Amino acid sequence: MTAVLAYDAQLAVTPQVQTDGDVRPIGDIAADCLLLELETFPKPGLVSHIDNGSHDDMDVGTFRASAAAIKPYLQQLADVAAQGCDVGELRAIGMEAEGAMFAATSGINTHRGAIFGLGLLCAAAGARAGGLVEPGLSLGEVVARRWGRSILDGPVLLHSHGTAARRQFHAGGARAEAASGFPSVYRIGLPSLRRAARVLPRDPEAARVEACFALIASVEDTNLLHRGGLDGLRFARKTTRIFLDQGGVRRSGWRERACAVHSDFIARRLSPGGSADLLAMTLFVDAHERPSQ
């Protein structure tokens, strides 16, 4: 039976869903995960429903408009993948999604990274729903096996901040993450999310905060490199790691400590947008791959 997510800002992890044989809910689930990421606070330096973080050019309304604009394209990625498309078709749909995003946000880049990463996971879910892959494969494994080589060999965005940071600092970036099957989602985001949810089942937002901090503490985020260079990346990793090592959301007063980290990021104009995208992807994977209780 298929369950479509009802949007709820207090969800930490999405309800387990089964999309095998039914591709229709995938776009809705993906868009809900983007909204859940947005409705998480505090996320160091990032836009949420509470404040704009380190950004002067975007707010919660910008992100909501963007999520609504790209939702049909996330569904389209799942639809064509269920029919056995090649990576060129996925890339073309992704470019259309970017155009819709920029039209909805007056040219502001809110979800380019999510269109790429979450879009590939939607395609993987579509391929699995269409019976084109082994049912036991994770969505990340589907992406790596079906499209990994093409992702690495594909065209590069010449004028993106992520591309500039990768060249300057020799960082792997989103393409390497996707081609490898999203190890940051499976090794960092998902375990952190689930551990925190078990400890604090009545505070679901806390689980999302914990996963966000864990991702920032571990990921080579090209958004941080672009804004703060290596010093900014090191500061972000060190500060979030201290929060986690001191107990994270399991320790009393965690929200005040997390807000202090958020303020420190804002003071330095740091914004780990790549980790925000990975949080949304983590929620999407959790919705499809939650172990049976």
C-alpha atoms as a PDB file:
ATOM      1  CA  MET A   1       0.000   0.000   0.000  1.00  0.00           C
ATOM      2  CA  THR A   2       1.291   3.439  -0.858  1.00  0.00           C
ATOM      3  CA  ALA A   3       1.260   6.329   1.602  1.00  0.00           C
ATOM      4  CA  VAL A   4       1.725   9.915   0.500  1.00  0.00           C
ATOM      5  CA  LEU A   5       3.317  12.131   3.115  1.00  0.00           C
ATOM      6  CA  ALA A   6       1.088  14.694   4.756  1.00  0.00           C
ATOM      7  CA  TYR A   7       3.181  17.799   5.358  1.00  0.00           C
ATOM      8  CA  ASP A   8       3.871  18.232   9.055  1.00  0.00           C
ATOM      9  CA  ALA A   9       6.657  20.469  10.311  1.00  0.00           C
ATOM     10  CA  GLN A  10       6.977  18.358  13.452  1.00  0.00           C
ATOM     11  CA  LEU A  11       7.878  15.157  11.628  1.00  0.00           C
ATOM     12  CA  ALA A  12      11.465  14.131  12.296  1.00  0.00           C
ATOM     13  CA  VAL A  13      11.450  11.123  10.052  1.00  0.00           C
ATOM     14  CA  THR A  14       8.873  10.544   7.411  1.00  0.00           C
ATOM     15  CA  PRO A  15       6.395   7.657   7.594  1.00  0.00           C
ATOM     16  CA  GLN A  16       7.677   4.529   5.926  1.00  0.00           C
ATOM     17  CA  VAL A  17       6.286   4.306   2.423  1.00  0.00           C
ATOM     18  CA  GLN A  18       6.125   1.586  -0.164  1.00  0.00           C
ATOM     19  CA  THR A  19       6.299   2.782  -3.761  1.00  0.00           C
ATOM     20  CA  ASP A  20       7.085  -0.539  -5.423  1.00  0.00           C
ATOM     21  CA  GLY A  21       4.863  -0.704  -8.478  1.00  0.00           C
ATOM     22  CA  ASP A  22       3.497   2.810  -7.965  1.00  0.00           C
ATOM     23  CA  VAL A  23       5.587   5.778  -9.031  1.00  0.00           C
ATOM     24  CA  ARG A  24       2.893   8.407  -8.358  1.00  0.00           C
ATOM     25  CA  PRO A  25       3.719   9.538  -4.801  1.00  0.00           C
ATOM     26  CA  ILE A  26       7.466  10.002  -5.272  1.00  0.00           C
ATOM     27  CA  GLY A  27       7.402  13.687  -6.209  1.00  0.00           C
ATOM     28  CA  ASP A  28       5.092  14.525  -3.313  1.00  0.00           C
ATOM     29  CA  ILE A  29       7.360  12.707  -0.874  1.00  0.00           C
ATOM     30  CA  ALA A  30      10.427  14.533  -2.184  1.00  0.00           C
ATOM     31  CA  ALA A  31       8.769  17.951  -1.937  1.00  0.00           C
ATOM     32  CA  ASP A  32       7.602  17.179   1.605  1.00  0.00           C
ATOM     33  CA  CYS A  33      11.194  16.352   2.550  1.00  0.00           C
ATOM     34  CA  LEU A  34      12.329  19.731   1.211  1.00  0.00           C
ATOM     35  CA  LEU A  35       9.717  21.399   3.419  1.00  0.00           C
ATOM     36  CA  LEU A  36      10.743  19.339   6.436  1.00  0.00           C
ATOM     37  CA  GLU A  37      14.332  20.476   5.948  1.00  0.00           C
ATOM     38  CA  LEU A  38      13.140  24.075   5.743  1.00  0.00           C
ATOM     39  CA  GLU A  39      10.994  23.748   8.886  1.00  0.00           C
ATOM     40  CA  THR A  40      13.951  22.651  11.019  1.00  0.00           C
ATOM     41  CA  PHE A  41      15.566  25.048  13.494  1.00  0.00           C
ATOM     42  CA  PRO A  42      18.271  25.771  14.386  1.00  0.00           C
ATOM     43  CA  LYS A  43      20.349  24.804  11.363  1.00  0.00           C
ATOM     44  CA  PRO A  44      23.640  26.722  11.494  1.00  0.00           C
ATOM     45  CA  GLY A  45      23.595  29.607   9.028  1.00  0.00           C
ATOM     46  CA  LEU A  46      20.685  28.206   7.025  1.00  0.00           C
ATOM     47  CA  VAL A  47      17.253  29.587   6.159  1.00  0.00           C
ATOM     48  CA  SER A  48      14.346  28.210   8.173  1.00  0.00           C
ATOM     49  CA  HIS A  49      10.823  29.212   9.167  1.00  0.00           C
ATOM     50  CA  ILE A  50      12.388  31.150  12.082  1.00  0.00           C
ATOM     51  CA  ASP A  51      14.956  33.330  10.324  1.00  0.00           C
ATOM     52  CA  ASN A  52      17.035  33.793   7.164  1.00  0.00           C
ATOM     53  CA  GLY A  53      20.310  32.542   8.598  1.00  0.00           C
ATOM     54  CA  SER A  54      23.304  33.988   6.764  1.00  0.00           C
ATOM     55  CA  HIS A  55      21.229  35.072   3.751  1.00  0.00           C
ATOM     56  CA  ASP A  56      19.964  38.496   2.758  1.00  0.00           C
ATOM     57  CA  ASP A  57      18.453  37.436  -0.567  1.00  0.00           C
ATOM     58  CA  MET A  58      16.139  34.574   0.432  1.00  0.00           C
ATOM     59  CA  ASP A  59      13.692  33.570   3.143  1.00  0.00           C
ATOM     60  CA  VAL A  60      11.196  30.861   4.019  1.00  0.00           C
ATOM     61  CA  GLY A  61       8.776  32.106   1.360  1.00  0.00           C
ATOM     62  CA  THR A  62      11.448  31.863  -1.316  1.00  0.00           C
ATOM     63  CA  PHE A  63      12.123  28.251  -0.418  1.00  0.00           C
ATOM     64  CA  ARG A  64       8.457  27.309  -0.252  1.00  0.00           C
ATOM     65  CA  ALA A  65       7.869  28.802  -3.700  1.00  0.00           C
ATOM     66  CA  SER A  66      10.901  26.967  -5.015  1.00  0.00           C
ATOM     67  CA  ALA A  67       9.805  23.602  -3.581  1.00  0.00           C
ATOM     68  CA  ALA A  68       6.380  23.982  -5.160  1.00  0.00           C
ATOM     69  CA  ALA A  69       7.898  24.929  -8.514  1.00  0.00           C
ATOM     70  CA  ILE A  70      10.241  21.953  -8.745  1.00  0.00           C
ATOM     71  CA  LYS A  71       7.881  19.294  -7.361  1.00  0.00           C
ATOM     72  CA  PRO A  72       6.421  18.365 -10.788  1.00  0.00           C
ATOM     73  CA  TYR A  73       9.920  17.855 -12.153  1.00  0.00           C
ATOM     74  CA  LEU A  74      10.911  15.620  -9.251  1.00  0.00           C
ATOM     75  CA  GLN A  75       7.899  13.490 -10.131  1.00  0.00           C
ATOM     76  CA  GLN A  76       8.826  13.572 -13.805  1.00  0.00           C
ATOM     77  CA  LEU A  77      12.291  12.256 -12.965  1.00  0.00           C
ATOM     78  CA  ALA A  78      10.684   9.311 -11.187  1.00  0.00           C
ATOM     79  CA  ASP A  79       8.264   8.737 -14.077  1.00  0.00           C
ATOM     80  CA  VAL A  80      10.893   8.562 -16.821  1.00  0.00           C
ATOM     81  CA  ALA A  81      13.248   6.453 -14.698  1.00  0.00           C
ATOM     82  CA  ALA A  82      10.445   3.925 -14.183  1.00  0.00           C
ATOM     83  CA  GLN A  83      10.419   3.557 -17.967  1.00  0.00           C
ATOM     84  CA  GLY A  84      14.161   2.978 -18.246  1.00  0.00           C
ATOM     85  CA  CYS A  85      15.446   6.394 -19.341  1.00  0.00           C
ATOM     86  CA  ASP A  86      19.105   7.274 -19.782  1.00  0.00           C
ATOM     87  CA  VAL A  87      20.976   9.941 -17.860  1.00  0.00           C
ATOM     88  CA  GLY A  88      20.565  12.438 -20.702  1.00  0.00           C
ATOM     89  CA  GLU A  89      16.807  12.500 -20.125  1.00  0.00           C
ATOM     90  CA  LEU A  90      17.333  13.000 -16.408  1.00  0.00           C
ATOM     91  CA  ARG A  91      19.735  15.848 -17.095  1.00  0.00           C
ATOM     92  CA  ALA A  92      17.257  17.572 -19.423  1.00  0.00           C
ATOM     93  CA  ILE A  93      14.484  17.392 -16.824  1.00  0.00           C
ATOM     94  CA  GLY A  94      16.874  18.711 -14.191  1.00  0.00           C
ATOM     95  CA  MET A  95      17.646  21.733 -16.364  1.00  0.00           C
ATOM     96  CA  GLU A  96      13.923  22.396 -16.778  1.00  0.00           C
ATOM     97  CA  ALA A  97      13.528  22.170 -13.012  1.00  0.00           C
ATOM     98  CA  GLU A  98      16.281  24.741 -12.536  1.00  0.00           C
ATOM     99  CA  GLY A  99      14.493  27.062 -14.934  1.00  0.00           C
ATOM    100  CA  ALA A 100      11.265  26.680 -12.965  1.00  0.00           C
ATOM    101  CA  MET A 101      13.141  27.327  -9.715  1.00  0.00           C
ATOM    102  CA  PHE A 102      14.728  30.523 -11.000  1.00  0.00           C
ATOM    103  CA  ALA A 103      11.391  31.715 -12.364  1.00  0.00           C
ATOM    104  CA  ALA A 104       9.732  31.142  -8.977  1.00  0.00           C
ATOM    105  CA  THR A 105      12.519  32.818  -6.991  1.00  0.00           C
ATOM    106  CA  SER A 106      13.373  35.732  -9.302  1.00  0.00           C
ATOM    107  CA  GLY A 107      16.736  34.225 -10.125  1.00  0.00           C
ATOM    108  CA  ILE A 108      17.794  33.033  -6.650  1.00  0.00           C
ATOM    109  CA  ASN A 109      19.448  29.621  -6.342  1.00  0.00           C
ATOM    110  CA  THR A 110      17.508  27.888  -3.583  1.00  0.00           C
ATOM    111  CA  HIS A 111      17.450  24.235  -4.623  1.00  0.00           C
ATOM    112  CA  ARG A 112      19.969  23.580  -7.410  1.00  0.00           C
ATOM    113  CA  GLY A 113      21.794  21.036  -5.255  1.00  0.00           C
ATOM    114  CA  ALA A 114      18.539  19.361  -4.253  1.00  0.00           C
ATOM    115  CA  ILE A 115      17.367  19.174  -7.849  1.00  0.00           C
ATOM    116  CA  PHE A 116      20.538  17.238  -8.604  1.00  0.00           C
ATOM    117  CA  GLY A 117      20.849  14.972  -5.562  1.00  0.00           C
ATOM    118  CA  LEU A 118      17.240  14.531  -4.506  1.00  0.00           C
ATOM    119  CA  GLY A 119      16.281  14.338  -8.178  1.00  0.00           C
ATOM    120  CA  LEU A 120      18.591  11.359  -8.683  1.00  0.00           C
ATOM    121  CA  LEU A 121      17.114   9.651  -5.637  1.00  0.00           C
ATOM    122  CA  CYS A 122      13.630  10.246  -7.071  1.00  0.00           C
ATOM    123  CA  ALA A 123      14.804   8.643 -10.303  1.00  0.00           C
ATOM    124  CA  ALA A 124      16.181   5.693  -8.333  1.00  0.00           C
ATOM    125  CA  ALA A 125      12.851   5.314  -6.519  1.00  0.00           C
ATOM    126  CA  GLY A 126      11.106   5.430  -9.901  1.00  0.00           C
ATOM    127  CA  ALA A 127      13.378   2.737 -11.333  1.00  0.00           C
ATOM    128  CA  ARG A 128      12.672   0.561  -8.317  1.00  0.00           C
ATOM    129  CA  ALA A 129       8.923   1.193  -8.539  1.00  0.00           C
ATOM    130  CA  GLY A 130       9.086   0.213 -12.218  1.00  0.00           C
ATOM    131  CA  GLY A 131      10.765  -3.088 -11.381  1.00  0.00           C
ATOM    132  CA  LEU A 132      13.956  -2.201 -13.247  1.00  0.00           C
ATOM    133  CA  VAL A 133      16.375  -2.882 -10.381  1.00  0.00           C
ATOM    134  CA  GLU A 134      16.914  -5.525  -7.752  1.00  0.00           C
ATOM    135  CA  PRO A 135      14.429  -4.826  -4.938  1.00  0.00           C
ATOM    136  CA  GLY A 136      17.098  -5.223  -2.246  1.00  0.00           C
ATOM    137  CA  LEU A 137      19.249  -2.370  -3.537  1.00  0.00           C
ATOM    138  CA  SER A 138      19.238   0.902  -1.643  1.00  0.00           C
ATOM    139  CA  LEU A 139      18.348   4.038  -3.590  1.00  0.00           C
ATOM    140  CA  GLY A 140      21.961   5.156  -3.350  1.00  0.00           C
ATOM    141  CA  GLU A 141      23.164   1.886  -4.850  1.00  0.00           C
ATOM    142  CA  VAL A 142      20.663   2.267  -7.688  1.00  0.00           C
ATOM    143  CA  VAL A 143      22.030   5.727  -8.505  1.00  0.00           C
ATOM    144  CA  ALA A 144      25.642   4.529  -8.422  1.00  0.00           C
ATOM    145  CA  ARG A 145      25.028   1.430 -10.536  1.00  0.00           C
ATOM    146  CA  ARG A 146      22.716   2.909 -13.154  1.00  0.00           C
ATOM    147  CA  TRP A 147      24.124   6.405 -13.587  1.00  0.00           C
ATOM    148  CA  GLY A 148      27.351   6.741 -11.569  1.00  0.00           C
ATOM    149  CA  ARG A 149      29.813   6.787 -14.473  1.00  0.00           C
ATOM    150  CA  SER A 150      27.639   9.136 -16.510  1.00  0.00           C
ATOM    151  CA  ILE A 151      27.351  11.512 -13.552  1.00  0.00           C
ATOM    152  CA  LEU A 152      31.133  11.827 -13.339  1.00  0.00           C
ATOM    153  CA  ASP A 153      31.568  12.157 -17.103  1.00  0.00           C
ATOM    154  CA  GLY A 154      28.724  14.656 -17.592  1.00  0.00           C
ATOM    155  CA  PRO A 155      29.024  18.377 -18.342  1.00  0.00           C
ATOM    156  CA  VAL A 156      30.170  20.729 -15.591  1.00  0.00           C
ATOM    157  CA  LEU A 157      28.408  23.972 -14.670  1.00  0.00           C
ATOM    158  CA  LEU A 158      31.112  26.506 -15.447  1.00  0.00           C
ATOM    159  CA  HIS A 159      29.749  29.396 -13.407  1.00  0.00           C
ATOM    160  CA  SER A 160      28.409  27.727 -10.269  1.00  0.00           C
ATOM    161  CA  HIS A 161      29.828  28.437  -6.825  1.00  0.00           C
ATOM    162  CA  GLY A 162      30.219  24.719  -6.207  1.00  0.00           C
ATOM    163  CA  THR A 163      32.296  24.239  -9.357  1.00  0.00           C
ATOM    164  CA  ALA A 164      34.547  27.161  -8.433  1.00  0.00           C
ATOM    165  CA  ALA A 165      35.068  25.783  -4.931  1.00  0.00           C
ATOM    166  CA  ARG A 166      35.807  22.284  -6.232  1.00  0.00           C
ATOM    167  CA  ARG A 167      38.461  23.653  -8.569  1.00  0.00           C
ATOM    168  CA  GLN A 168      40.075  25.931  -6.016  1.00  0.00           C
ATOM    169  CA  PHE A 169      40.097  23.486  -3.105  1.00  0.00           C
ATOM    170  CA  HIS A 170      40.099  20.163  -5.020  1.00  0.00           C
ATOM    171  CA  ALA A 171      36.882  19.112  -3.298  1.00  0.00           C
ATOM    172  CA  GLY A 172      34.797  16.185  -4.511  1.00  0.00           C
ATOM    173  CA  GLY A 173      31.434  17.916  -4.382  1.00  0.00           C
ATOM    174  CA  ALA A 174      27.932  16.723  -5.209  1.00  0.00           C
ATOM    175  CA  ARG A 175      28.878  14.781  -8.332  1.00  0.00           C
ATOM    176  CA  ALA A 176      31.333  12.544  -6.500  1.00  0.00           C
ATOM    177  CA  GLU A 177      28.811  12.094  -3.677  1.00  0.00           C
ATOM    178  CA  ALA A 178      26.081  10.989  -6.085  1.00  0.00           C
ATOM    179  CA  ALA A 179      28.310   8.739  -8.181  1.00  0.00           C
ATOM    180  CA  SER A 180      29.376   6.940  -4.989  1.00  0.00           C
ATOM    181  CA  GLY A 181      25.773   6.302  -3.941  1.00  0.00           C
ATOM    182  CA  PHE A 182      25.450   9.155  -1.419  1.00  0.00           C
ATOM    183  CA  PRO A 183      27.728   7.817   1.342  1.00  0.00           C
ATOM    184  CA  SER A 184      27.164  10.957   3.433  1.00  0.00           C
ATOM    185  CA  VAL A 185      23.454  10.151   3.569  1.00  0.00           C
ATOM    186  CA  TYR A 186      23.905   6.504   4.453  1.00  0.00           C
ATOM    187  CA  ARG A 187      26.913   6.737   6.769  1.00  0.00           C
ATOM    188  CA  ILE A 188      26.247  10.060   8.496  1.00  0.00           C
ATOM    189  CA  GLY A 189      22.807  11.591   7.977  1.00  0.00           C
ATOM    190  CA  LEU A 190      20.636   8.503   8.291  1.00  0.00           C
ATOM    191  CA  PRO A 191      22.304   6.935  11.359  1.00  0.00           C
ATOM    192  CA  SER A 192      22.306  10.295  13.169  1.00  0.00           C
ATOM    193  CA  LEU A 193      18.657  10.929  12.338  1.00  0.00           C
ATOM    194  CA  ARG A 194      17.544   7.511  13.531  1.00  0.00           C
ATOM    195  CA  ARG A 195      19.610   7.466  16.712  1.00  0.00           C
ATOM    196  CA  ALA A 196      18.245  10.824  17.801  1.00  0.00           C
ATOM    197  CA  ALA A 197      14.693   9.803  16.911  1.00  0.00           C
ATOM    198  CA  ARG A 198      14.989   6.740  19.147  1.00  0.00           C
ATOM    199  CA  VAL A 199      16.292   8.809  22.065  1.00  0.00           C
ATOM    200  CA  LEU A 200      13.783  11.667  21.674  1.00  0.00           C
ATOM    201  CA  PRO A 201      10.726  10.178  19.973  1.00  0.00           C
ATOM    202  CA  ARG A 202       8.496  13.044  21.156  1.00  0.00           C
ATOM    203  CA  ASP A 203      10.776  15.762  19.764  1.00  0.00           C
ATOM    204  CA  PRO A 204      11.048  14.914  16.079  1.00  0.00           C
ATOM    205  CA  GLU A 205      12.577  18.236  15.087  1.00  0.00           C
ATOM    206  CA  ALA A 206      15.534  17.411  17.327  1.00  0.00           C
ATOM    207  CA  ALA A 207      16.389  14.392  15.178  1.00  0.00           C
ATOM    208  CA  ARG A 208      16.577  16.575  12.089  1.00  0.00           C
ATOM    209  CA  VAL A 209      18.793  19.082  13.917  1.00  0.00           C
ATOM    210  CA  GLU A 210      21.115  16.276  15.040  1.00  0.00           C
ATOM    211  CA  ALA A 211      21.396  14.935  11.500  1.00  0.00           C
ATOM    212  CA  CYS A 212      22.089  18.416  10.154  1.00  0.00           C
ATOM    213  CA  PHE A 213      24.878  19.040  12.658  1.00  0.00           C
ATOM    214  CA  ALA A 214      26.376  15.613  11.949  1.00  0.00           C
ATOM    215  CA  LEU A 215      26.437  16.306   8.215  1.00  0.00           C
ATOM    216  CA  ILE A 216      28.058  19.736   8.647  1.00  0.00           C
ATOM    217  CA  ALA A 217      30.673  18.217  10.965  1.00  0.00           C
ATOM    218  CA  SER A 218      31.687  15.623   8.371  1.00  0.00           C
ATOM    219  CA  VAL A 219      30.917  16.769   4.834  1.00  0.00           C
ATOM    220  CA  GLU A 220      33.301  18.710   2.582  1.00  0.00           C
ATOM    221  CA  ASP A 221      30.595  21.273   1.863  1.00  0.00           C
ATOM    222  CA  THR A 222      31.473  23.354  -1.209  1.00  0.00           C
ATOM    223  CA  ASN A 223      29.024  26.057  -0.099  1.00  0.00           C
ATOM    224  CA  LEU A 224      31.104  26.563   3.034  1.00  0.00           C
ATOM    225  CA  LEU A 225      34.286  26.582   0.957  1.00  0.00           C
ATOM    226  CA  HIS A 226      32.805  29.204  -1.341  1.00  0.00           C
ATOM    227  CA  ARG A 227      31.739  31.488   1.506  1.00  0.00           C
ATOM    228  CA  GLY A 228      34.534  30.960   4.013  1.00  0.00           C
ATOM    229  CA  GLY A 229      37.378  29.084   2.337  1.00  0.00           C
ATOM    230  CA  LEU A 230      39.233  26.365   4.192  1.00  0.00           C
ATOM    231  CA  ASP A 231      39.109  28.380   7.421  1.00  0.00           C
ATOM    232  CA  GLY A 232      35.331  28.595   7.178  1.00  0.00           C
ATOM    233  CA  LEU A 233      35.005  24.876   6.523  1.00  0.00           C
ATOM    234  CA  ARG A 234      37.279  24.036   9.452  1.00  0.00           C
ATOM    235  CA  PHE A 235      35.397  26.380  11.768  1.00  0.00           C
ATOM    236  CA  ALA A 236      32.053  24.872  10.742  1.00  0.00           C
ATOM    237  CA  ARG A 237      33.262  21.324  11.249  1.00  0.00           C
ATOM    238  CA  LYS A 238      34.910  22.040  14.589  1.00  0.00           C
ATOM    239  CA  THR A 239      31.961  23.962  16.028  1.00  0.00           C
ATOM    240  CA  THR A 240      29.336  21.401  15.055  1.00  0.00           C
ATOM    241  CA  ARG A 241      31.565  18.538  16.196  1.00  0.00           C
ATOM    242  CA  ILE A 242      31.896  20.123  19.636  1.00  0.00           C
ATOM    243  CA  PHE A 243      28.095  20.359  19.861  1.00  0.00           C
ATOM    244  CA  LEU A 244      27.777  16.656  18.988  1.00  0.00           C
ATOM    245  CA  ASP A 245      30.610  15.520  21.268  1.00  0.00           C
ATOM    246  CA  GLN A 246      28.990  17.362  24.172  1.00  0.00           C
ATOM    247  CA  GLY A 247      25.850  15.266  23.780  1.00  0.00           C
ATOM    248  CA  GLY A 248      24.086  16.883  20.847  1.00  0.00           C
ATOM    249  CA  VAL A 249      20.321  16.956  21.214  1.00  0.00           C
ATOM    250  CA  ARG A 250      20.443  14.307  23.937  1.00  0.00           C
ATOM    251  CA  ARG A 251      21.859  16.791  26.418  1.00  0.00           C
ATOM    252  CA  SER A 252      19.579  19.177  28.257  1.00  0.00           C
ATOM    253  CA  GLY A 253      19.722  22.729  26.941  1.00  0.00           C
ATOM    254  CA  TRP A 254      20.644  21.526  23.481  1.00  0.00           C
ATOM    255  CA  ARG A 255      18.473  24.080  21.708  1.00  0.00           C
ATOM    256  CA  GLU A 256      20.232  27.048  23.330  1.00  0.00           C
ATOM    257  CA  ARG A 257      23.643  25.609  22.451  1.00  0.00           C
ATOM    258  CA  ALA A 258      22.532  24.933  18.881  1.00  0.00           C
ATOM    259  CA  CYS A 259      21.214  28.479  18.569  1.00  0.00           C
ATOM    260  CA  ALA A 260      24.587  29.793  19.717  1.00  0.00           C
ATOM    261  CA  VAL A 261      26.276  27.839  16.913  1.00  0.00           C
ATOM    262  CA  HIS A 262      23.711  29.204  14.480  1.00  0.00           C
ATOM    263  CA  SER A 263      24.557  32.758  15.591  1.00  0.00           C
ATOM    264  CA  ASP A 264      28.282  32.089  15.160  1.00  0.00           C
ATOM    265  CA  PHE A 265      27.699  30.929  11.575  1.00  0.00           C
ATOM    266  CA  ILE A 266      25.624  34.030  10.838  1.00  0.00           C
ATOM    267  CA  ALA A 267      28.355  36.292  12.234  1.00  0.00           C
ATOM    268  CA  ARG A 268      30.797  34.681   9.797  1.00  0.00           C
ATOM    269  CA  ARG A 269      28.272  34.579   6.915  1.00  0.00           C
ATOM    270  CA  LEU A 270      28.655  30.818   6.637  1.00  0.00           C
ATOM    271  CA  SER A 271      25.898  28.724   5.095  1.00  0.00           C
ATOM    272  CA  PRO A 272      26.297  24.951   4.636  1.00  0.00           C
ATOM    273  CA  GLY A 273      23.824  24.594   1.783  1.00  0.00           C
ATOM    274  CA  GLY A 274      25.217  21.247   0.691  1.00  0.00           C
ATOM    275  CA  SER A 275      24.474  19.793   4.119  1.00  0.00           C
ATOM    276  CA  ALA A 276      20.927  21.170   3.936  1.00  0.00           C
ATOM    277  CA  ASP A 277      20.429  19.326   0.634  1.00  0.00           C
ATOM    278  CA  LEU A 278      21.830  16.155   2.179  1.00  0.00           C
ATOM    279  CA  LEU A 279      19.403  16.492   5.108  1.00  0.00           C
ATOM    280  CA  ALA A 280      16.459  16.548   2.685  1.00  0.00           C
ATOM    281  CA  MET A 281      17.931  13.524   0.898  1.00  0.00           C
ATOM    282  CA  THR A 282      18.349  11.746   4.230  1.00  0.00           C
ATOM    283  CA  LEU A 283      14.667  12.277   5.001  1.00  0.00           C
ATOM    284  CA  PHE A 284      13.712  10.968   1.553  1.00  0.00           C
ATOM    285  CA  VAL A 285      15.817   7.833   1.948  1.00  0.00           C
ATOM    286  CA  ASP A 286      14.432   7.271   5.429  1.00  0.00           C
ATOM    287  CA  ALA A 287      10.897   7.413   4.031  1.00  0.00           C
ATOM    288  CA  HIS A 288      11.667   4.625   1.565  1.00  0.00           C
ATOM    289  CA  GLU A 289      14.095   2.465   3.504  1.00  0.00           C
ATOM    290  CA  ARG A 290      13.079   2.507   7.149  1.00  0.00           C
ATOM    291  CA  PRO A 291      13.684  -0.936   8.735  1.00  0.00           C
ATOM    292  CA  SER A 292      10.572  -2.803   9.762  1.00  0.00           C
ATOM    293  CA  GLN A 293       9.699  -2.228  13.384  1.00  0.00           C
END
